[in-house]
C-alpha cells in the first residue's frame, strides 16, 4: 500500500531504477552483451543537458539518463534513458540491465 498525500493521491514508495545506479556500474543490453560502464547519472527532471541531438536530449532530461562509456577502442559513448533500464543489480561493481539493444541507444556527440 502506498501513502496518500495531502491531495488524496497515492505517492510511490519505490525508488526509481535510475536512482539506484552509480558511476562505474557495468551496463549490459537486452541481449546480455556488454554495453560499457556508467560514466554519469542524472535523475529525472535534471537541468543537465546531455551531449546529443535536440529532441533526444530533452527526452533524456525528462526521464533521467545514464551516460555509458562504450566498449572497444572505436566506440562512442551512448545514453540510456531511465525508461530503458530493466533492472539494477546492487552487487560490486553492480550491473545495469537495459531493456534495449546497445545499438538502439543514442550516441553522444563527439
PDB file of N, CA and C in Angstrom:
ATOM      1  N   UNK A   1       0.841  -1.177   0.000  1.00  0.00           N
ATOM      2  CA  UNK A   1       0.000   0.000   0.000  1.00  0.00           C
ATOM      3  C   UNK A   1       0.885   1.238   0.000  1.00  0.00           C
ATOM      4  N   UNK A   2       0.473   2.257  -0.764  1.00  0.00           N
ATOM      5  CA  UNK A   2       1.253   3.479  -0.876  1.00  0.00           C
ATOM      6  C   UNK A   2       0.662   4.566   0.012  1.00  0.00           C
ATOM      7  N   UNK A   3       1.497   5.452   0.553  1.00  0.00           N
ATOM      8  CA  UNK A   3       0.982   6.556   1.357  1.00  0.00           C
ATOM      9  C   UNK A   3       0.167   7.520   0.499  1.00  0.00           C
ATOM     10  N   UNK A   4      -0.782   8.193   1.126  1.00  0.00           N
ATOM     11  CA  UNK A   4      -1.637   9.169   0.451  1.00  0.00           C
ATOM     12  C   UNK A   4      -1.154  10.566   0.824  1.00  0.00           C
ATOM     13  N   UNK A   5      -1.008  11.438  -0.198  1.00  0.00           N
ATOM     14  CA  UNK A   5      -0.556  12.803   0.081  1.00  0.00           C
ATOM     15  C   UNK A   5      -1.733  13.701   0.445  1.00  0.00           C
ATOM     16  N   UNK A   6      -1.474  14.979   0.640  1.00  0.00           N
ATOM     17  CA  UNK A   6      -2.495  15.934   1.074  1.00  0.00           C
ATOM     18  C   UNK A   6      -3.620  16.117   0.065  1.00  0.00           C
ATOM     19  N   UNK A   7      -3.405  15.702  -1.176  1.00  0.00           N
ATOM     20  CA  UNK A   7      -4.420  15.854  -2.212  1.00  0.00           C
ATOM     21  C   UNK A   7      -5.210  14.569  -2.437  1.00  0.00           C
ATOM     22  N   UNK A   8      -4.923  13.547  -1.637  1.00  0.00           N
ATOM     23  CA  UNK A   8      -5.645  12.293  -1.741  1.00  0.00           C
ATOM     24  C   UNK A   8      -5.131  11.355  -2.818  1.00  0.00           C
ATOM     25  N   UNK A   9      -3.946  11.643  -3.349  1.00  0.00           N
ATOM     26  CA  UNK A   9      -3.379  10.757  -4.364  1.00  0.00           C
ATOM     27  C   UNK A   9      -2.265   9.924  -3.749  1.00  0.00           C
ATOM     28  N   UNK A  10      -2.101   8.752  -4.293  1.00  0.00           N
ATOM     29  CA  UNK A  10      -1.051   7.862  -3.789  1.00  0.00           C
ATOM     30  C   UNK A  10       0.308   8.372  -4.238  1.00  0.00           C
ATOM     31  N   UNK A  11       1.272   8.293  -3.347  1.00  0.00           N
ATOM     32  CA  UNK A  11       2.642   8.664  -3.691  1.00  0.00           C
ATOM     33  C   UNK A  11       3.471   7.391  -3.748  1.00  0.00           C
ATOM     34  N   UNK A  12       4.262   7.220  -4.803  1.00  0.00           N
ATOM     35  CA  UNK A  12       5.043   5.989  -4.928  1.00  0.00           C
ATOM     36  C   UNK A  12       6.078   5.864  -3.822  1.00  0.00           C
ATOM     37  N   UNK A  13       6.258   4.642  -3.357  1.00  0.00           N
ATOM     38  CA  UNK A  13       7.249   4.392  -2.312  1.00  0.00           C
ATOM     39  C   UNK A  13       8.497   3.718  -2.869  1.00  0.00           C
ATOM     40  N   UNK A  14       8.423   3.207  -4.092  1.00  0.00           N
ATOM     41  CA  UNK A  14       9.577   2.545  -4.690  1.00  0.00           C
ATOM     42  C   UNK A  14      10.548   3.568  -5.256  1.00  0.00           C
ATOM     43  N   UNK A  15      11.823   3.292  -5.096  1.00  0.00           N
ATOM     44  CA  UNK A  15      12.860   4.128  -5.679  1.00  0.00           C
ATOM     45  C   UNK A  15      12.951   3.807  -7.166  1.00  0.00           C
ATOM     46  N   UNK A  16      13.091   4.851  -7.996  1.00  0.00           N
ATOM     47  CA  UNK A  16      13.228   4.614  -9.433  1.00  0.00           C
ATOM     48  C   UNK A  16      14.528   3.861  -9.695  1.00  0.00           C
ATOM     49  N   UNK A  17      14.554   3.130 -10.792  1.00  0.00           N
ATOM     50  CA  UNK A  17      15.754   2.357 -11.117  1.00  0.00           C
ATOM     51  C   UNK A  17      16.953   3.256 -11.359  1.00  0.00           C
ATOM     52  N   UNK A  18      16.748   4.401 -12.026  1.00  0.00           N
ATOM     53  CA  UNK A  18      17.877   5.297 -12.303  1.00  0.00           C
ATOM     54  C   UNK A  18      18.487   5.819 -10.996  1.00  0.00           C
ATOM     55  N   UNK A  19      17.697   5.934  -9.949  1.00  0.00           N
ATOM     56  CA  UNK A  19      18.205   6.405  -8.657  1.00  0.00           C
ATOM     57  C   UNK A  19      19.111   5.371  -7.991  1.00  0.00           C
ATOM     58  N   UNK A  20      19.039   4.126  -8.426  1.00  0.00           N
ATOM     59  CA  UNK A  20      19.867   3.060  -7.849  1.00  0.00           C
ATOM     60  C   UNK A  20      21.183   2.862  -8.591  1.00  0.00           C
ATOM     61  N   UNK A  21      21.385   3.624  -9.662  1.00  0.00           N
ATOM     62  CA  UNK A  21      22.580   3.463 -10.497  1.00  0.00           C
ATOM     63  C   UNK A  21      23.705   4.351  -9.984  1.00  0.00           C
ATOM     64  N   UNK A  22      24.916   3.813  -9.983  1.00  0.00           N
ATOM     65  CA  UNK A  22      26.111   4.558  -9.585  1.00  0.00           C
ATOM     66  C   UNK A  22      27.133   4.547 -10.715  1.00  0.00           C
ATOM     67  N   UNK A  23      27.948   5.583 -10.759  1.00  0.00           N
ATOM     68  CA  UNK A  23      29.050   5.649 -11.715  1.00  0.00           C
ATOM     69  C   UNK A  23      29.950   4.434 -11.498  1.00  0.00           C
ATOM     70  N   UNK A  24      30.381   3.820 -12.593  1.00  0.00           N
ATOM     71  CA  UNK A  24      31.251   2.649 -12.528  1.00  0.00           C
ATOM     72  C   UNK A  24      30.535   1.327 -12.705  1.00  0.00           C
ATOM     73  N   UNK A  25      29.194   1.327 -12.601  1.00  0.00           N
ATOM     74  CA  UNK A  25      28.453   0.083 -12.787  1.00  0.00           C
ATOM     75  C   UNK A  25      28.595  -0.407 -14.228  1.00  0.00           C
ATOM     76  N   UNK A  26      28.595  -1.725 -14.395  1.00  0.00           N
ATOM     77  CA  UNK A  26      28.630  -2.359 -15.707  1.00  0.00           C
ATOM     78  C   UNK A  26      27.236  -2.260 -16.322  1.00  0.00           C
ATOM     79  N   UNK A  27      27.181  -1.988 -17.639  1.00  0.00           N
ATOM     80  CA  UNK A  27      25.905  -1.902 -18.350  1.00  0.00           C
ATOM     81  C   UNK A  27      25.851  -3.022 -19.380  1.00  0.00           C
ATOM     82  N   UNK A  28      24.757  -3.803 -19.355  1.00  0.00           N
ATOM     83  CA  UNK A  28      24.529  -4.840 -20.357  1.00  0.00           C
ATOM     84  C   UNK A  28      23.212  -4.556 -21.053  1.00  0.00           C
ATOM     85  N   UNK A  29      23.152  -4.891 -22.345  1.00  0.00           N
ATOM     86  CA  UNK A  29      21.927  -4.628 -23.095  1.00  0.00           C
ATOM     87  C   UNK A  29      20.942  -5.787 -22.944  1.00  0.00           C
ATOM     88  N   UNK A  30      19.822  -5.705 -23.662  1.00  0.00           N
ATOM     89  CA  UNK A  30      18.765  -6.702 -23.509  1.00  0.00           C
ATOM     90  C   UNK A  30      19.181  -8.090 -23.991  1.00  0.00           C
ATOM     91  N   UNK A  31      20.222  -8.172 -24.812  1.00  0.00           N
ATOM     92  CA  UNK A  31      20.745  -9.466 -25.262  1.00  0.00           C
ATOM     93  C   UNK A  31      21.813 -10.009 -24.314  1.00  0.00           C
ATOM     94  N   UNK A  32      22.160  -9.230 -23.286  1.00  0.00           N
ATOM     95  CA  UNK A  32      23.194  -9.641 -22.347  1.00  0.00           C
ATOM     96  C   UNK A  32      24.591  -9.242 -22.765  1.00  0.00           C
ATOM     97  N   UNK A  33      24.709  -8.479 -23.865  1.00  0.00           N
ATOM     98  CA  UNK A  33      26.019  -8.030 -24.341  1.00  0.00           C
ATOM     99  C   UNK A  33      26.495  -6.815 -23.556  1.00  0.00           C
ATOM    100  N   UNK A  34      27.800  -6.738 -23.361  1.00  0.00           N
ATOM    101  CA  UNK A  34      28.411  -5.624 -22.639  1.00  0.00           C
ATOM    102  C   UNK A  34      28.229  -4.329 -23.433  1.00  0.00           C
ATOM    103  N   UNK A  35      27.642  -3.319 -22.795  1.00  0.00           N
ATOM    104  CA  UNK A  35      27.451  -2.014 -23.440  1.00  0.00           C
ATOM    105  C   UNK A  35      28.440  -0.986 -22.914  1.00  0.00           C
ATOM    106  N   UNK A  36      29.156  -1.299 -21.842  1.00  0.00           N
ATOM    107  CA  UNK A  36      30.131  -0.376 -21.275  1.00  0.00           C
ATOM    108  C   UNK A  36      29.932  -0.203 -19.782  1.00  0.00           C
ATOM    109  N   UNK A  37      30.377   0.954 -19.295  1.00  0.00           N
ATOM    110  CA  UNK A  37      30.239   1.297 -17.872  1.00  0.00           C
ATOM    111  C   UNK A  37      29.593   2.658 -17.736  1.00  0.00           C
ATOM    112  N   UNK A  38      28.868   2.839 -16.649  1.00  0.00           N
ATOM    113  CA  UNK A  38      28.217   4.119 -16.375  1.00  0.00           C
ATOM    114  C   UNK A  38      29.286   5.157 -16.054  1.00  0.00           C
ATOM    115  N   UNK A  39      29.276   6.273 -16.801  1.00  0.00           N
ATOM    116  CA  UNK A  39      30.229   7.353 -16.526  1.00  0.00           C
ATOM    117  C   UNK A  39      29.544   8.581 -15.940  1.00  0.00           C
ATOM    118  N   UNK A  40      28.208   8.636 -16.001  1.00  0.00           N
ATOM    119  CA  UNK A  40      27.455   9.740 -15.399  1.00  0.00           C
ATOM    120  C   UNK A  40      26.005   9.307 -15.219  1.00  0.00           C
ATOM    121  N   UNK A  41      25.362   9.858 -14.193  1.00  0.00           N
ATOM    122  CA  UNK A  41      23.951   9.577 -13.912  1.00  0.00           C
ATOM    123  C   UNK A  41      23.248  10.896 -13.640  1.00  0.00           C
ATOM    124  N   UNK A  42      22.086  11.088 -14.255  1.00  0.00           N
ATOM    125  CA  UNK A  42      21.249  12.256 -13.977  1.00  0.00           C
ATOM    126  C   UNK A  42      19.835  11.773 -13.674  1.00  0.00           C
ATOM    127  N   UNK A  43      19.239  12.332 -12.644  1.00  0.00           N
ATOM    128  CA  UNK A  43      17.896  11.953 -12.218  1.00  0.00           C
ATOM    129  C   UNK A  43      16.838  12.605 -13.112  1.00  0.00           C
ATOM    130  N   UNK A  44      15.614  12.057 -13.138  1.00  0.00           N
ATOM    131  CA  UNK A  44      14.540  12.654 -13.937  1.00  0.00           C
ATOM    132  C   UNK A  44      14.331  14.128 -13.592  1.00  0.00           C
ATOM    133  N   UNK A  45      14.090  14.927 -14.634  1.00  0.00           N
ATOM    134  CA  UNK A  45      13.857  16.353 -14.449  1.00  0.00           C
ATOM    135  C   UNK A  45      15.125  17.176 -14.326  1.00  0.00           C
ATOM    136  N   UNK A  46      16.268  16.593 -14.618  1.00  0.00           N
ATOM    137  CA  UNK A  46      17.541  17.304 -14.495  1.00  0.00           C
ATOM    138  C   UNK A  46      17.624  18.489 -15.456  1.00  0.00           C
ATOM    139  N   UNK A  47      18.441  19.460 -15.104  1.00  0.00           N
ATOM    140  CA  UNK A  47      18.744  20.582 -15.989  1.00  0.00           C
ATOM    141  C   UNK A  47      20.050  20.345 -16.752  1.00  0.00           C
ATOM    142  N   UNK A  48      20.724  19.231 -16.481  1.00  0.00           N
ATOM    143  CA  UNK A  48      21.997  18.921 -17.131  1.00  0.00           C
ATOM    144  C   UNK A  48      21.708  18.295 -18.492  1.00  0.00           C
ATOM    145  N   UNK A  49      22.057  19.034 -19.544  1.00  0.00           N
ATOM    146  CA  UNK A  49      21.758  18.605 -20.914  1.00  0.00           C
ATOM    147  C   UNK A  49      22.829  17.630 -21.414  1.00  0.00           C
ATOM    148  N   UNK A  50      22.404  16.452 -21.897  1.00  0.00           N
ATOM    149  CA  UNK A  50      23.367  15.506 -22.459  1.00  0.00           C
ATOM    150  C   UNK A  50      23.868  15.975 -23.820  1.00  0.00           C
ATOM    151  N   UNK A  51      25.063  15.520 -24.191  1.00  0.00           N
ATOM    152  CA  UNK A  51      25.680  15.881 -25.470  1.00  0.00           C
ATOM    153  C   UNK A  51      25.130  15.006 -26.592  1.00  0.00           C
ATOM    154  N   UNK A  52      23.890  15.271 -26.973  1.00  0.00           N
ATOM    155  CA  UNK A  52      23.260  14.517 -28.052  1.00  0.00           C
ATOM    156  C   UNK A  52      22.268  15.424 -28.765  1.00  0.00           C
ATOM    157  N   UNK A  53      21.621  14.915 -29.788  1.00  0.00           N
ATOM    158  CA  UNK A  53      20.742  15.718 -30.636  1.00  0.00           C
ATOM    159  C   UNK A  53      19.558  16.308 -29.868  1.00  0.00           C
ATOM    160  N   UNK A  54      19.115  17.491 -30.316  1.00  0.00           N
ATOM    161  CA  UNK A  54      17.916  18.117 -29.756  1.00  0.00           C
ATOM    162  C   UNK A  54      16.748  17.150 -29.925  1.00  0.00           C
ATOM    163  N   UNK A  55      15.826  17.197 -29.016  1.00  0.00           N
ATOM    164  CA  UNK A  55      14.703  16.260 -29.021  1.00  0.00           C
ATOM    165  C   UNK A  55      15.048  15.045 -28.184  1.00  0.00           C
ATOM    166  N   UNK A  56      16.120  14.379 -28.540  1.00  0.00           N
ATOM    167  CA  UNK A  56      16.587  13.243 -27.741  1.00  0.00           C
ATOM    168  C   UNK A  56      17.082  13.746 -26.394  1.00  0.00           C
ATOM    169  N   UNK A  57      17.814  14.861 -26.404  1.00  0.00           N
ATOM    170  CA  UNK A  57      18.350  15.422 -25.159  1.00  0.00           C
ATOM    171  C   UNK A  57      17.224  15.754 -24.187  1.00  0.00           C
ATOM    172  N   UNK A  58      16.160  16.378 -24.675  1.00  0.00           N
ATOM    173  CA  UNK A  58      15.043  16.756 -23.803  1.00  0.00           C
ATOM    174  C   UNK A  58      14.327  15.526 -23.243  1.00  0.00           C
ATOM    175  N   UNK A  59      14.187  14.489 -24.059  1.00  0.00           N
ATOM    176  CA  UNK A  59      13.569  13.255 -23.587  1.00  0.00           C
ATOM    177  C   UNK A  59      14.414  12.624 -22.477  1.00  0.00           C
ATOM    178  N   UNK A  60      15.733  12.607 -22.673  1.00  0.00           N
ATOM    179  CA  UNK A  60      16.625  12.050 -21.657  1.00  0.00           C
ATOM    180  C   UNK A  60      16.555  12.847 -20.361  1.00  0.00           C
ATOM    181  N   UNK A  61      16.528  14.173 -20.472  1.00  0.00           N
ATOM    182  CA  UNK A  61      16.461  15.028 -19.283  1.00  0.00           C
ATOM    183  C   UNK A  61      15.168  14.783 -18.506  1.00  0.00           C
ATOM    184  N   UNK A  62      14.081  14.567 -19.206  1.00  0.00           N
ATOM    185  CA  UNK A  62      12.794  14.331 -18.563  1.00  0.00           C
ATOM    186  C   UNK A  62      12.760  12.992 -17.826  1.00  0.00           C
ATOM    187  N   UNK A  63      13.306  11.952 -18.457  1.00  0.00           N
ATOM    188  CA  UNK A  63      13.247  10.598 -17.895  1.00  0.00           C
ATOM    189  C   UNK A  63      14.414  10.270 -16.971  1.00  0.00           C
ATOM    190  N   UNK A  64      15.439  11.135 -16.944  1.00  0.00           N
ATOM    191  CA  UNK A  64      16.684  10.786 -16.274  1.00  0.00           C
ATOM    192  C   UNK A  64      17.501   9.936 -17.232  1.00  0.00           C
ATOM    193  N   UNK A  65      18.818   9.923 -17.048  1.00  0.00           N
ATOM    194  CA  UNK A  65      19.634   9.176 -18.003  1.00  0.00           C
ATOM    195  C   UNK A  65      20.976   8.761 -17.429  1.00  0.00           C
ATOM    196  N   UNK A  66      21.585   7.803 -18.135  1.00  0.00           N
ATOM    197  CA  UNK A  66      22.938   7.345 -17.846  1.00  0.00           C
ATOM    198  C   UNK A  66      23.794   7.653 -19.058  1.00  0.00           C
ATOM    199  N   UNK A  67      24.996   8.105 -18.835  1.00  0.00           N
ATOM    200  CA  UNK A  67      25.970   8.155 -19.923  1.00  0.00           C
ATOM    201  C   UNK A  67      26.788   6.885 -19.790  1.00  0.00           C
ATOM    202  N   UNK A  68      26.891   6.152 -20.887  1.00  0.00           N
ATOM    203  CA  UNK A  68      27.571   4.864 -20.889  1.00  0.00           C
ATOM    204  C   UNK A  68      28.856   4.997 -21.691  1.00  0.00           C
ATOM    205  N   UNK A  69      29.979   4.768 -21.017  1.00  0.00           N
ATOM    206  CA  UNK A  69      31.289   4.772 -21.664  1.00  0.00           C
ATOM    207  C   UNK A  69      31.387   3.478 -22.456  1.00  0.00           C
ATOM    208  N   UNK A  70      31.347   3.591 -23.783  1.00  0.00           N
ATOM    209  CA  UNK A  70      31.281   2.426 -24.656  1.00  0.00           C
ATOM    210  C   UNK A  70      32.484   1.521 -24.559  1.00  0.00           C
ATOM    211  N   UNK A  71      32.296   0.287 -25.006  1.00  0.00           N
ATOM    212  CA  UNK A  71      33.381  -0.693 -25.011  1.00  0.00           C
ATOM    213  C   UNK A  71      34.081  -0.674 -26.356  1.00  0.00           C
ATOM    214  N   UNK A  72      35.330  -1.021 -26.383  1.00  0.00           N
ATOM    215  CA  UNK A  72      36.104  -1.073 -27.619  1.00  0.00           C
ATOM    216  C   UNK A  72      36.761   0.256 -27.931  1.00  0.00           C
ATOM    217  N   UNK A  73      37.842   0.201 -28.681  1.00  0.00           N
ATOM    218  CA  UNK A  73      38.643   1.388 -28.977  1.00  0.00           C
ATOM    219  C   UNK A  73      37.906   2.410 -29.828  1.00  0.00           C
ATOM    220  N   UNK A  74      37.013   1.978 -30.707  1.00  0.00           N
ATOM    221  CA  UNK A  74      36.331   2.901 -31.604  1.00  0.00           C
ATOM    222  C   UNK A  74      34.905   3.221 -31.164  1.00  0.00           C
ATOM    223  N   UNK A  75      34.521   2.833 -29.973  1.00  0.00           N
ATOM    224  CA  UNK A  75      33.150   3.035 -29.514  1.00  0.00           C
ATOM    225  C   UNK A  75      32.912   4.454 -29.039  1.00  0.00           C
ATOM    226  N   UNK A  76      31.759   4.968 -29.395  1.00  0.00           N
ATOM    227  CA  UNK A  76      31.308   6.250 -28.856  1.00  0.00           C
ATOM    228  C   UNK A  76      30.565   5.994 -27.556  1.00  0.00           C
ATOM    229  N   UNK A  77      30.529   7.011 -26.705  1.00  0.00           N
ATOM    230  CA  UNK A  77      29.674   6.930 -25.535  1.00  0.00           C
ATOM    231  C   UNK A  77      28.228   6.997 -26.004  1.00  0.00           C
ATOM    232  N   UNK A  78      27.342   6.387 -25.230  1.00  0.00           N
ATOM    233  CA  UNK A  78      25.919   6.400 -25.536  1.00  0.00           C
ATOM    234  C   UNK A  78      25.147   6.851 -24.307  1.00  0.00           C
ATOM    235  N   UNK A  79      23.858   7.080 -24.495  1.00  0.00           N
ATOM    236  CA  UNK A  79      22.968   7.448 -23.396  1.00  0.00           C
ATOM    237  C   UNK A  79      21.832   6.449 -23.303  1.00  0.00           C
ATOM    238  N   UNK A  80      21.455   6.100 -22.082  1.00  0.00           N
ATOM    239  CA  UNK A  80      20.281   5.271 -21.833  1.00  0.00           C
ATOM    240  C   UNK A  80      19.344   6.070 -20.945  1.00  0.00           C
ATOM    241  N   UNK A  81      18.084   6.141 -21.334  1.00  0.00           N
ATOM    242  CA  UNK A  81      17.112   6.867 -20.512  1.00  0.00           C
ATOM    243  C   UNK A  81      16.700   6.009 -19.327  1.00  0.00           C
ATOM    244  N   UNK A  82      16.177   6.646 -18.316  1.00  0.00           N
ATOM    245  CA  UNK A  82      15.682   5.916 -17.160  1.00  0.00           C
ATOM    246  C   UNK A  82      14.623   4.897 -17.539  1.00  0.00           C
ATOM    247  N   UNK A  83      13.863   5.186 -18.610  1.00  0.00           N
ATOM    248  CA  UNK A  83      12.825   4.273 -19.087  1.00  0.00           C
ATOM    249  C   UNK A  83      13.400   3.030 -19.755  1.00  0.00           C
ATOM    250  N   UNK A  84      14.671   3.057 -20.116  1.00  0.00           N
ATOM    251  CA  UNK A  84      15.301   1.923 -20.791  1.00  0.00           C
ATOM    252  C   UNK A  84      16.038   1.001 -19.822  1.00  0.00           C
ATOM    253  N   UNK A  85      15.953   1.285 -18.538  1.00  0.00           N
ATOM    254  CA  UNK A  85      16.588   0.437 -17.529  1.00  0.00           C
ATOM    255  C   UNK A  85      15.596  -0.644 -17.120  1.00  0.00           C
ATOM    256  N   UNK A  86      15.969  -1.901 -17.342  1.00  0.00           N
ATOM    257  CA  UNK A  86      15.104  -3.022 -16.982  1.00  0.00           C
ATOM    258  C   UNK A  86      15.322  -3.452 -15.537  1.00  0.00           C
ATOM    259  N   UNK A  87      16.579  -3.370 -15.066  1.00  0.00           N
ATOM    260  CA  UNK A  87      16.899  -3.849 -13.722  1.00  0.00           C
ATOM    261  C   UNK A  87      18.250  -3.298 -13.297  1.00  0.00           C
ATOM    262  N   UNK A  88      18.439  -3.188 -11.997  1.00  0.00           N
ATOM    263  CA  UNK A  88      19.722  -2.794 -11.422  1.00  0.00           C
ATOM    264  C   UNK A  88      20.079  -3.832 -10.371  1.00  0.00           C
ATOM    265  N   UNK A  89      21.238  -4.440 -10.526  1.00  0.00           N
ATOM    266  CA  UNK A  89      21.711  -5.436  -9.568  1.00  0.00           C
ATOM    267  C   UNK A  89      22.764  -4.767  -8.706  1.00  0.00           C
ATOM    268  N   UNK A  90      22.461  -4.647  -7.423  1.00  0.00           N
ATOM    269  CA  UNK A  90      23.291  -3.882  -6.494  1.00  0.00           C
ATOM    270  C   UNK A  90      24.428  -4.713  -5.913  1.00  0.00           C
ATOM    271  N   UNK A  91      25.227  -5.321  -6.773  1.00  0.00           N
ATOM    272  CA  UNK A  91      26.417  -6.044  -6.335  1.00  0.00           C
ATOM    273  C   UNK A  91      27.610  -5.120  -6.460  1.00  0.00           C
ATOM    274  N   UNK A  92      28.789  -5.667  -6.327  1.00  0.00           N
ATOM    275  CA  UNK A  92      30.012  -4.901  -6.548  1.00  0.00           C
ATOM    276  C   UNK A  92      30.639  -5.355  -7.844  1.00  0.00           C
ATOM    277  N   UNK A  93      30.793  -4.614  -8.889  1.00  0.00           N
ATOM    278  CA  UNK A  93      30.571  -3.176  -9.003  1.00  0.00           C
ATOM    279  C   UNK A  93      29.129  -2.810  -9.331  1.00  0.00           C
ATOM    280  N   UNK A  94      28.267  -3.781  -9.519  1.00  0.00           N
ATOM    281  CA  UNK A  94      26.874  -3.523  -9.856  1.00  0.00           C
ATOM    282  C   UNK A  94      26.647  -3.649 -11.353  1.00  0.00           C
ATOM    283  N   UNK A  95      25.431  -4.039 -11.701  1.00  0.00           N
ATOM    284  CA  UNK A  95      25.087  -4.234 -13.108  1.00  0.00           C
ATOM    285  C   UNK A  95      23.784  -3.516 -13.406  1.00  0.00           C
ATOM    286  N   UNK A  96      23.767  -2.799 -14.528  1.00  0.00           N
ATOM    287  CA  UNK A  96      22.553  -2.171 -15.036  1.00  0.00           C
ATOM    288  C   UNK A  96      22.143  -2.964 -16.266  1.00  0.00           C
ATOM    289  N   UNK A  97      20.944  -3.541 -16.226  1.00  0.00           N
ATOM    290  CA  UNK A  97      20.419  -4.275 -17.381  1.00  0.00           C
ATOM    291  C   UNK A  97      19.445  -3.372 -18.127  1.00  0.00           C
ATOM    292  N   UNK A  98      19.670  -3.231 -19.424  1.00  0.00           N
ATOM    293  CA  UNK A  98      18.810  -2.389 -20.252  1.00  0.00           C
ATOM    294  C   UNK A  98      17.707  -3.218 -20.908  1.00  0.00           C
ATOM    295  N   UNK A  99      16.637  -2.545 -21.298  1.00  0.00           N
ATOM    296  CA  UNK A  99      15.526  -3.207 -21.986  1.00  0.00           C
ATOM    297  C   UNK A  99      15.652  -3.096 -23.502  1.00  0.00           C
ATOM    298  N   UNK A 100      16.763  -2.529 -23.978  1.00  0.00           N
ATOM    299  CA  UNK A 100      17.002  -2.337 -25.414  1.00  0.00           C
ATOM    300  C   UNK A 100      18.400  -2.845 -25.761  1.00  0.00           C
ATOM    301  N   UNK A 101      18.638  -2.995 -27.061  1.00  0.00           N
ATOM    302  CA  UNK A 101      19.965  -3.371 -27.531  1.00  0.00           C
ATOM    303  C   UNK A 101      20.901  -2.167 -27.509  1.00  0.00           C
ATOM    304  N   UNK A 102      22.175  -2.423 -27.362  1.00  0.00           N
ATOM    305  CA  UNK A 102      23.186  -1.359 -27.330  1.00  0.00           C
ATOM    306  C   UNK A 102      23.118  -0.475 -28.571  1.00  0.00           C
ATOM    307  N   UNK A 103      22.872  -1.075 -29.729  1.00  0.00           N
ATOM    308  CA  UNK A 103      22.821  -0.320 -30.984  1.00  0.00           C
ATOM    309  C   UNK A 103      21.635   0.641 -31.062  1.00  0.00           C
ATOM    310  N   UNK A 104      20.644   0.480 -30.188  1.00  0.00           N
ATOM    311  CA  UNK A 104      19.469   1.350 -30.179  1.00  0.00           C
ATOM    312  C   UNK A 104      19.671   2.605 -29.328  1.00  0.00           C
ATOM    313  N   UNK A 105      20.756   2.673 -28.577  1.00  0.00           N
ATOM    314  CA  UNK A 105      20.998   3.814 -27.696  1.00  0.00           C
ATOM    315  C   UNK A 105      21.508   5.007 -28.498  1.00  0.00           C
ATOM    316  N   UNK A 106      21.039   6.223 -28.156  1.00  0.00           N
ATOM    317  CA  UNK A 106      21.555   7.409 -28.850  1.00  0.00           C
ATOM    318  C   UNK A 106      23.024   7.642 -28.506  1.00  0.00           C
ATOM    319  N   UNK A 107      23.789   8.037 -29.504  1.00  0.00           N
ATOM    320  CA  UNK A 107      25.224   8.274 -29.323  1.00  0.00           C
ATOM    321  C   UNK A 107      25.485   9.688 -28.828  1.00  0.00           C
ATOM    322  N   UNK A 108      26.534   9.804 -28.035  1.00  0.00           N
ATOM    323  CA  UNK A 108      26.986  11.119 -27.581  1.00  0.00           C
ATOM    324  C   UNK A 108      27.668  11.823 -28.744  1.00  0.00           C
ATOM    325  N   UNK A 109      27.536  13.144 -28.780  1.00  0.00           N
ATOM    326  CA  UNK A 109      28.238  13.930 -29.796  1.00  0.00           C
ATOM    327  C   UNK A 109      29.732  13.841 -29.519  1.00  0.00           C
ATOM    328  N   UNK A 110      30.505  13.818 -30.558  1.00  0.00           N
ATOM    329  CA  UNK A 110      31.959  13.675 -30.393  1.00  0.00           C
ATOM    330  C   UNK A 110      32.621  15.030 -30.313  1.00  0.00           C
TER     331      UNK A 110
END
